[in-house]
PDB file of N, CA and C in Angstrom:
ATOM      1  N   TYR A   1     -19.505 -15.149   1.274  1.00  0.00           N
ATOM      2  CA  TYR A   1     -19.484 -16.430   0.614  1.00  0.00           C
ATOM      3  C   TYR A   1     -18.180 -16.614  -0.148  1.00  0.00           C
ATOM      4  N   HIS A   2     -17.844 -17.859  -0.386  1.00  0.00           N
ATOM      5  CA  HIS A   2     -16.706 -18.197  -1.240  1.00  0.00           C
ATOM      6  C   HIS A   2     -17.194 -19.289  -2.179  1.00  0.00           C
ATOM      7  N   ILE A   3     -16.954 -19.102  -3.457  1.00  0.00           N
ATOM      8  CA  ILE A   3     -17.482 -20.016  -4.477  1.00  0.00           C
ATOM      9  C   ILE A   3     -17.147 -21.472  -4.180  1.00  0.00           C
ATOM     10  N   VAL A   4     -15.926 -21.742  -3.677  1.00  0.00           N
ATOM     11  CA  VAL A   4     -15.491 -23.119  -3.448  1.00  0.00           C
ATOM     12  C   VAL A   4     -15.634 -23.530  -1.988  1.00  0.00           C
ATOM     13  N   SER A   5     -15.079 -22.743  -1.077  1.00  0.00           N
ATOM     14  CA  SER A   5     -14.983 -23.198   0.312  1.00  0.00           C
ATOM     15  C   SER A   5     -16.193 -22.858   1.181  1.00  0.00           C
ATOM     16  N   ASN A   6     -17.038 -21.912   0.765  1.00  0.00           N
ATOM     17  CA  ASN A   6     -18.204 -21.561   1.570  1.00  0.00           C
ATOM     18  C   ASN A   6     -19.337 -21.071   0.666  1.00  0.00           C
ATOM     19  N   PRO A   7     -19.827 -21.944  -0.212  1.00  0.00           N
ATOM     20  CA  PRO A   7     -20.878 -21.500  -1.139  1.00  0.00           C
ATOM     21  C   PRO A   7     -22.213 -21.325  -0.409  1.00  0.00           C
ATOM     22  N   PRO A   8     -23.125 -20.557  -0.986  1.00  0.00           N
ATOM     23  CA  PRO A   8     -24.457 -20.450  -0.386  1.00  0.00           C
ATOM     24  C   PRO A   8     -25.190 -21.784  -0.511  1.00  0.00           C
ATOM     25  N   LYS A   9     -26.227 -21.946   0.295  1.00  0.00           N
ATOM     26  CA  LYS A   9     -26.993 -23.195   0.260  1.00  0.00           C
ATOM     27  C   LYS A   9     -27.627 -23.415  -1.117  1.00  0.00           C
ATOM     28  N   VAL A  10     -28.133 -22.332  -1.701  1.00  0.00           N
ATOM     29  CA  VAL A  10     -28.692 -22.378  -3.055  1.00  0.00           C
ATOM     30  C   VAL A  10     -27.802 -21.507  -3.926  1.00  0.00           C
ATOM     31  N   GLU A  11     -27.266 -22.098  -4.985  1.00  0.00           N
ATOM     32  CA  GLU A  11     -26.323 -21.367  -5.836  1.00  0.00           C
ATOM     33  C   GLU A  11     -26.924 -20.049  -6.323  1.00  0.00           C
ATOM     34  N   GLY A  12     -26.161 -18.972  -6.113  1.00  0.00           N
ATOM     35  CA  GLY A  12     -26.570 -17.666  -6.615  1.00  0.00           C
ATOM     36  C   GLY A  12     -27.563 -16.921  -5.752  1.00  0.00           C
ATOM     37  N   ILE A  13     -27.924 -17.489  -4.586  1.00  0.00           N
ATOM     38  CA  ILE A  13     -28.918 -16.853  -3.713  1.00  0.00           C
ATOM     39  C   ILE A  13     -28.338 -16.666  -2.314  1.00  0.00           C
ATOM     40  N   ASP A  14     -28.505 -15.456  -1.759  1.00  0.00           N
ATOM     41  CA  ASP A  14     -28.031 -15.167  -0.407  1.00  0.00           C
ATOM     42  C   ASP A  14     -28.833 -15.979   0.605  1.00  0.00           C
ATOM     43  N   ASP A  15     -28.139 -16.693   1.493  1.00  0.00           N
ATOM     44  CA  ASP A  15     -28.800 -17.538   2.496  1.00  0.00           C
ATOM     45  C   ASP A  15     -29.701 -16.732   3.424  1.00  0.00           C
ATOM     46  N   GLU A  16     -29.304 -15.523   3.760  1.00  0.00           N
ATOM     47  CA  GLU A  16     -30.039 -14.718   4.742  1.00  0.00           C
ATOM     48  C   GLU A  16     -31.197 -13.943   4.114  1.00  0.00           C
ATOM     49  N   THR A  17     -30.937 -13.288   2.993  1.00  0.00           N
ATOM     50  CA  THR A  17     -31.938 -12.374   2.428  1.00  0.00           C
ATOM     51  C   THR A  17     -32.727 -12.966   1.268  1.00  0.00           C
ATOM     52  N   GLY A  18     -32.196 -14.018   0.651  1.00  0.00           N
ATOM     53  CA  GLY A  18     -32.851 -14.587  -0.518  1.00  0.00           C
ATOM     54  C   GLY A  18     -32.609 -13.795  -1.795  1.00  0.00           C
ATOM     55  N   GLU A  19     -31.804 -12.753  -1.687  1.00  0.00           N
ATOM     56  CA  GLU A  19     -31.508 -11.930  -2.860  1.00  0.00           C
ATOM     57  C   GLU A  19     -30.456 -12.611  -3.734  1.00  0.00           C
ATOM     58  N   PRO A  20     -30.448 -12.264  -5.021  1.00  0.00           N
ATOM     59  CA  PRO A  20     -29.438 -12.838  -5.914  1.00  0.00           C
ATOM     60  C   PRO A  20     -28.031 -12.383  -5.523  1.00  0.00           C
ATOM     61  N   LEU A  21     -27.075 -13.289  -5.643  1.00  0.00           N
ATOM     62  CA  LEU A  21     -25.672 -12.953  -5.404  1.00  0.00           C
ATOM     63  C   LEU A  21     -25.017 -12.640  -6.740  1.00  0.00           C
ATOM     64  N   ILE A  22     -24.077 -11.715  -6.700  1.00  0.00           N
ATOM     65  CA  ILE A  22     -23.330 -11.387  -7.908  1.00  0.00           C
ATOM     66  C   ILE A  22     -21.842 -11.495  -7.609  1.00  0.00           C
ATOM     67  N   GLN A  23     -21.066 -11.681  -8.645  1.00  0.00           N
ATOM     68  CA  GLN A  23     -19.612 -11.648  -8.509  1.00  0.00           C
ATOM     69  C   GLN A  23     -19.143 -10.395  -9.232  1.00  0.00           C
ATOM     70  N   ARG A  24     -18.438  -9.531  -8.501  1.00  0.00           N
ATOM     71  CA  ARG A  24     -17.936  -8.308  -9.111  1.00  0.00           C
ATOM     72  C   ARG A  24     -16.932  -8.661 -10.202  1.00  0.00           C
ATOM     73  N   ASP A  25     -16.928  -7.880 -11.263  1.00  0.00           N
ATOM     74  CA  ASP A  25     -15.948  -8.098 -12.327  1.00  0.00           C
ATOM     75  C   ASP A  25     -14.533  -8.057 -11.767  1.00  0.00           C
ATOM     76  N   ASP A  26     -14.319  -7.215 -10.760  1.00  0.00           N
ATOM     77  CA  ASP A  26     -13.001  -7.043 -10.159  1.00  0.00           C
ATOM     78  C   ASP A  26     -12.514  -8.297  -9.426  1.00  0.00           C
ATOM     79  N   ASP A  27     -13.422  -9.195  -9.084  1.00  0.00           N
ATOM     80  CA  ASP A  27     -13.054 -10.410  -8.349  1.00  0.00           C
ATOM     81  C   ASP A  27     -12.885 -11.630  -9.256  1.00  0.00           C
ATOM     82  N   LYS A  28     -13.072 -11.453 -10.521  1.00  0.00           N
ATOM     83  CA  LYS A  28     -12.966 -12.582 -11.443  1.00  0.00           C
ATOM     84  C   LYS A  28     -11.498 -12.887 -11.729  1.00  0.00           C
ATOM     85  N   PRO A  29     -11.180 -14.150 -11.995  1.00  0.00           N
ATOM     86  CA  PRO A  29      -9.779 -14.554 -12.187  1.00  0.00           C
ATOM     87  C   PRO A  29      -9.026 -13.723 -13.221  1.00  0.00           C
ATOM     88  N   GLU A  30      -9.685 -13.382 -14.324  1.00  0.00           N
ATOM     89  CA  GLU A  30      -8.971 -12.616 -15.349  1.00  0.00           C
ATOM     90  C   GLU A  30      -8.612 -11.208 -14.864  1.00  0.00           C
ATOM     91  N   ALA A  31      -9.460 -10.605 -14.035  1.00  0.00           N
ATOM     92  CA  ALA A  31      -9.156  -9.280 -13.485  1.00  0.00           C
ATOM     93  C   ALA A  31      -7.990  -9.365 -12.507  1.00  0.00           C
ATOM     94  N   ILE A  32      -7.962 -10.415 -11.716  1.00  0.00           N
ATOM     95  CA  ILE A  32      -6.866 -10.600 -10.757  1.00  0.00           C
ATOM     96  C   ILE A  32      -5.555 -10.828 -11.501  1.00  0.00           C
ATOM     97  N   ARG A  33      -5.591 -11.652 -12.543  1.00  0.00           N
ATOM     98  CA  ARG A  33      -4.385 -11.864 -13.362  1.00  0.00           C
ATOM     99  C   ARG A  33      -3.883 -10.549 -13.942  1.00  0.00           C
ATOM    100  N   HIS A  34      -4.809  -9.731 -14.433  1.00  0.00           N
ATOM    101  CA  HIS A  34      -4.428  -8.436 -15.010  1.00  0.00           C
ATOM    102  C   HIS A  34      -3.782  -7.534 -13.953  1.00  0.00           C
ATOM    103  N   ARG A  35      -4.371  -7.477 -12.758  1.00  0.00           N
ATOM    104  CA  ARG A  35      -3.795  -6.643 -11.686  1.00  0.00           C
ATOM    105  C   ARG A  35      -2.391  -7.103 -11.337  1.00  0.00           C
ATOM    106  N   LEU A  36      -2.166  -8.422 -11.307  1.00  0.00           N
ATOM    107  CA  LEU A  36      -0.830  -8.938 -11.002  1.00  0.00           C
ATOM    108  C   LEU A  36       0.163  -8.603 -12.109  1.00  0.00           C
ATOM    109  N   GLU A  37      -0.289  -8.647 -13.361  1.00  0.00           N
ATOM    110  CA  GLU A  37       0.585  -8.264 -14.480  1.00  0.00           C
ATOM    111  C   GLU A  37       0.972  -6.791 -14.384  1.00  0.00           C
ATOM    112  N   VAL A  38       0.000  -5.938 -14.072  1.00  0.00           N
ATOM    113  CA  VAL A  38       0.268  -4.502 -13.929  1.00  0.00           C
ATOM    114  C   VAL A  38       1.235  -4.265 -12.776  1.00  0.00           C
ATOM    115  N   TYR A  39       1.038  -4.974 -11.672  1.00  0.00           N
ATOM    116  CA  TYR A  39       1.944  -4.839 -10.527  1.00  0.00           C
ATOM    117  C   TYR A  39       3.369  -5.186 -10.949  1.00  0.00           C
ATOM    118  N   LYS A  40       3.506  -6.314 -11.625  1.00  0.00           N
ATOM    119  CA  LYS A  40       4.842  -6.774 -12.029  1.00  0.00           C
ATOM    120  C   LYS A  40       5.497  -5.792 -13.003  1.00  0.00           C
ATOM    121  N   LYS A  41       4.707  -5.246 -13.920  1.00  0.00           N
ATOM    122  CA  LYS A  41       5.231  -4.341 -14.946  1.00  0.00           C
ATOM    123  C   LYS A  41       5.501  -2.938 -14.397  1.00  0.00           C
ATOM    124  N   ASP A  42       4.589  -2.409 -13.581  1.00  0.00           N
ATOM    125  CA  ASP A  42       4.663  -1.001 -13.179  1.00  0.00           C
ATOM    126  C   ASP A  42       5.167  -0.771 -11.759  1.00  0.00           C
ATOM    127  N   THR A  43       4.822  -1.646 -10.836  1.00  0.00           N
ATOM    128  CA  THR A  43       5.138  -1.400  -9.429  1.00  0.00           C
ATOM    129  C   THR A  43       6.484  -1.979  -9.023  1.00  0.00           C
ATOM    130  N   GLU A  44       6.770  -3.220  -9.408  1.00  0.00           N
ATOM    131  CA  GLU A  44       8.046  -3.829  -9.014  1.00  0.00           C
ATOM    132  C   GLU A  44       9.251  -2.985  -9.422  1.00  0.00           C
ATOM    133  N   PRO A  45       9.277  -2.420 -10.638  1.00  0.00           N
ATOM    134  CA  PRO A  45      10.424  -1.577 -10.984  1.00  0.00           C
ATOM    135  C   PRO A  45      10.547  -0.339 -10.087  1.00  0.00           C
ATOM    136  N   LEU A  46       9.425   0.223  -9.674  1.00  0.00           N
ATOM    137  CA  LEU A  46       9.467   1.382  -8.775  1.00  0.00           C
ATOM    138  C   LEU A  46      10.024   1.000  -7.410  1.00  0.00           C
ATOM    139  N   ILE A  47       9.635  -0.163  -6.929  1.00  0.00           N
ATOM    140  CA  ILE A  47      10.154  -0.636  -5.644  1.00  0.00           C
ATOM    141  C   ILE A  47      11.669  -0.778  -5.723  1.00  0.00           C
ATOM    142  N   ALA A  48      12.149  -1.389  -6.781  1.00  0.00           N
ATOM    143  CA  ALA A  48      13.598  -1.562  -6.951  1.00  0.00           C
ATOM    144  C   ALA A  48      14.290  -0.207  -7.063  1.00  0.00           C
ATOM    145  N   TYR A  49      13.700   0.720  -7.797  1.00  0.00           N
ATOM    146  CA  TYR A  49      14.291   2.047  -7.975  1.00  0.00           C
ATOM    147  C   TYR A  49      14.428   2.766  -6.631  1.00  0.00           C
ATOM    148  N   TYR A  50      13.333   2.854  -5.891  1.00  0.00           N
ATOM    149  CA  TYR A  50      13.367   3.591  -4.621  1.00  0.00           C
ATOM    150  C   TYR A  50      14.193   2.868  -3.560  1.00  0.00           C
ATOM    151  N   ARG A  51      14.202   1.539  -3.587  1.00  0.00           N
ATOM    152  CA  ARG A  51      15.050   0.799  -2.650  1.00  0.00           C
ATOM    153  C   ARG A  51      16.521   1.092  -2.957  1.00  0.00           C
ATOM    154  N   GLY A  52      16.870   1.123  -4.229  1.00  0.00           N
ATOM    155  CA  GLY A  52      18.241   1.427  -4.635  1.00  0.00           C
ATOM    156  C   GLY A  52      18.676   2.827  -4.239  1.00  0.00           C
ATOM    157  N   LYS A  53      17.738   3.759  -4.192  1.00  0.00           N
ATOM    158  CA  LYS A  53      18.030   5.139  -3.787  1.00  0.00           C
ATOM    159  C   LYS A  53      18.042   5.303  -2.268  1.00  0.00           C
ATOM    160  N   GLY A  54      17.646   4.240  -1.548  1.00  0.00           N
ATOM    161  CA  GLY A  54      17.558   4.333  -0.089  1.00  0.00           C
ATOM    162  C   GLY A  54      16.317   5.074   0.380  1.00  0.00           C
ATOM    163  N   ASN A  55      15.323   5.176  -0.499  1.00  0.00           N
ATOM    164  CA  ASN A  55      14.099   5.916  -0.179  1.00  0.00           C
ATOM    165  C   ASN A  55      12.891   5.015   0.058  1.00  0.00           C
ATOM    166  N   LEU A  56      13.133   3.759   0.343  1.00  0.00           N
ATOM    167  CA  LEU A  56      12.027   2.842   0.589  1.00  0.00           C
ATOM    168  C   LEU A  56      12.197   2.243   1.972  1.00  0.00           C
ATOM    169  N   ILE A  57      11.150   2.310   2.745  1.00  0.00           N
ATOM    170  CA  ILE A  57      11.166   1.751   4.096  1.00  0.00           C
ATOM    171  C   ILE A  57      10.129   0.632   4.141  1.00  0.00           C
ATOM    172  N   ASP A  58      10.549  -0.555   4.557  1.00  0.00           N
ATOM    173  CA  ASP A  58       9.621  -1.673   4.716  1.00  0.00           C
ATOM    174  C   ASP A  58       9.036  -1.628   6.119  1.00  0.00           C
ATOM    175  N   ILE A  59       7.717  -1.678   6.197  1.00  0.00           N
ATOM    176  CA  ILE A  59       7.009  -1.658   7.476  1.00  0.00           C
ATOM    177  C   ILE A  59       6.124  -2.898   7.545  1.00  0.00           C
ATOM    178  N   ASP A  60       6.212  -3.617   8.663  1.00  0.00           N
ATOM    179  CA  ASP A  60       5.336  -4.767   8.900  1.00  0.00           C
ATOM    180  C   ASP A  60       3.952  -4.230   9.258  1.00  0.00           C
ATOM    181  N   ALA A  61       2.967  -4.496   8.418  1.00  0.00           N
ATOM    182  CA  ALA A  61       1.619  -3.978   8.633  1.00  0.00           C
ATOM    183  C   ALA A  61       0.714  -4.965   9.363  1.00  0.00           C
ATOM    184  N   SER A  62       1.267  -6.062   9.877  1.00  0.00           N
ATOM    185  CA  SER A  62       0.419  -7.053  10.542  1.00  0.00           C
ATOM    186  C   SER A  62       0.065  -6.707  11.992  1.00  0.00           C
ATOM    187  N   PRO A  63       0.850  -5.883  12.705  1.00  0.00           N
ATOM    188  CA  PRO A  63       0.432  -5.510  14.060  1.00  0.00           C
ATOM    189  C   PRO A  63      -0.797  -4.595  14.043  1.00  0.00           C
ATOM    190  N   SER A  64      -1.185  -4.125  15.207  1.00  0.00           N
ATOM    191  CA  SER A  64      -2.335  -3.223  15.311  1.00  0.00           C
ATOM    192  C   SER A  64      -2.040  -1.925  14.565  1.00  0.00           C
ATOM    193  N   PRO A  65      -3.080  -1.210  14.138  1.00  0.00           N
ATOM    194  CA  PRO A  65      -2.851   0.068  13.457  1.00  0.00           C
ATOM    195  C   PRO A  65      -2.000   1.037  14.277  1.00  0.00           C
ATOM    196  N   GLU A  66      -2.195   1.038  15.577  1.00  0.00           N
ATOM    197  CA  GLU A  66      -1.415   1.934  16.434  1.00  0.00           C
ATOM    198  C   GLU A  66       0.069   1.581  16.391  1.00  0.00           C
ATOM    199  N   ASP A  67       0.377   0.283  16.444  1.00  0.00           N
ATOM    200  CA  ASP A  67       1.778  -0.148  16.400  1.00  0.00           C
ATOM    201  C   ASP A  67       2.402   0.086  15.024  1.00  0.00           C
ATOM    202  N   VAL A  68       1.600  -0.075  13.980  1.00  0.00           N
ATOM    203  CA  VAL A  68       2.105   0.212  12.633  1.00  0.00           C
ATOM    204  C   VAL A  68       2.446   1.694  12.525  1.00  0.00           C
ATOM    205  N   LEU A  69       1.567   2.545  13.039  1.00  0.00           N
ATOM    206  CA  LEU A  69       1.839   3.981  13.020  1.00  0.00           C
ATOM    207  C   LEU A  69       3.124   4.299  13.774  1.00  0.00           C
ATOM    208  N   LYS A  70       3.318   3.687  14.918  1.00  0.00           N
ATOM    209  CA  LYS A  70       4.555   3.908  15.682  1.00  0.00           C
ATOM    210  C   LYS A  70       5.779   3.502  14.864  1.00  0.00           C
ATOM    211  N   SER A  71       5.681   2.377  14.165  1.00  0.00           N
ATOM    212  CA  SER A  71       6.799   1.925  13.326  1.00  0.00           C
ATOM    213  C   SER A  71       7.072   2.908  12.197  1.00  0.00           C
ATOM    214  N   ILE A  72       6.016   3.421  11.597  1.00  0.00           N
ATOM    215  CA  ILE A  72       6.177   4.394  10.510  1.00  0.00           C
ATOM    216  C   ILE A  72       6.854   5.657  11.027  1.00  0.00           C
ATOM    217  N   LEU A  73       6.353   6.178  12.135  1.00  0.00           N
ATOM    218  CA  LEU A  73       6.919   7.410  12.687  1.00  0.00           C
ATOM    219  C   LEU A  73       8.373   7.211  13.098  1.00  0.00           C
ATOM    220  N   ALA A  74       8.681   6.065  13.691  1.00  0.00           N
ATOM    221  CA  ALA A  74      10.064   5.783  14.094  1.00  0.00           C
ATOM    222  C   ALA A  74      10.972   5.707  12.869  1.00  0.00           C
ATOM    223  N   ALA A  75      10.499   5.082  11.803  1.00  0.00           N
ATOM    224  CA  ALA A  75      11.309   4.963  10.585  1.00  0.00           C
ATOM    225  C   ALA A  75      11.545   6.326   9.947  1.00  0.00           C
ATOM    226  N   ILE A  76      10.526   7.166   9.951  1.00  0.00           N
ATOM    227  CA  ILE A  76      10.673   8.510   9.382  1.00  0.00           C
ATOM    228  C   ILE A  76      11.647   9.336  10.213  1.00  0.00           C
ATOM    229  N   GLN A  77      11.513   9.264  11.525  1.00  0.00           N
ATOM    230  CA  GLN A  77      12.394  10.046  12.400  1.00  0.00           C
ATOM    231  C   GLN A  77      13.839   9.571  12.312  1.00  0.00           C
ATOM    232  N   ALA A  78      14.043   8.289  12.011  1.00  0.00           N
ATOM    233  CA  ALA A  78      15.401   7.750  11.910  1.00  0.00           C
ATOM    234  C   ALA A  78      16.090   8.205  10.621  1.00  0.00           C
ATOM    235  N   LYS A  79      15.339   8.655   9.647  1.00  0.00           N
ATOM    236  CA  LYS A  79      15.907   9.080   8.355  1.00  0.00           C
ATOM    237  C   LYS A  79      16.573  10.405   8.470  1.00  0.00           C
TER     238      LYS A  79
END
């Protein structure tokens, strides 16, 4: 379900089972904002650091898992 684009027929109730629906604390807007703040504060500087050292490899993860693995192995072997 999605609160806005695909809500259940009855608010708070699973359409299939009739059980109550819950929203995990981790999915609430304030938790997402916090995760993005932590990323910006802690992760972005690490990315810049390792990229500057030449120790960061960007891999496109959108292909199949097998193709992603091939890209990873090729990048490692090229180093």
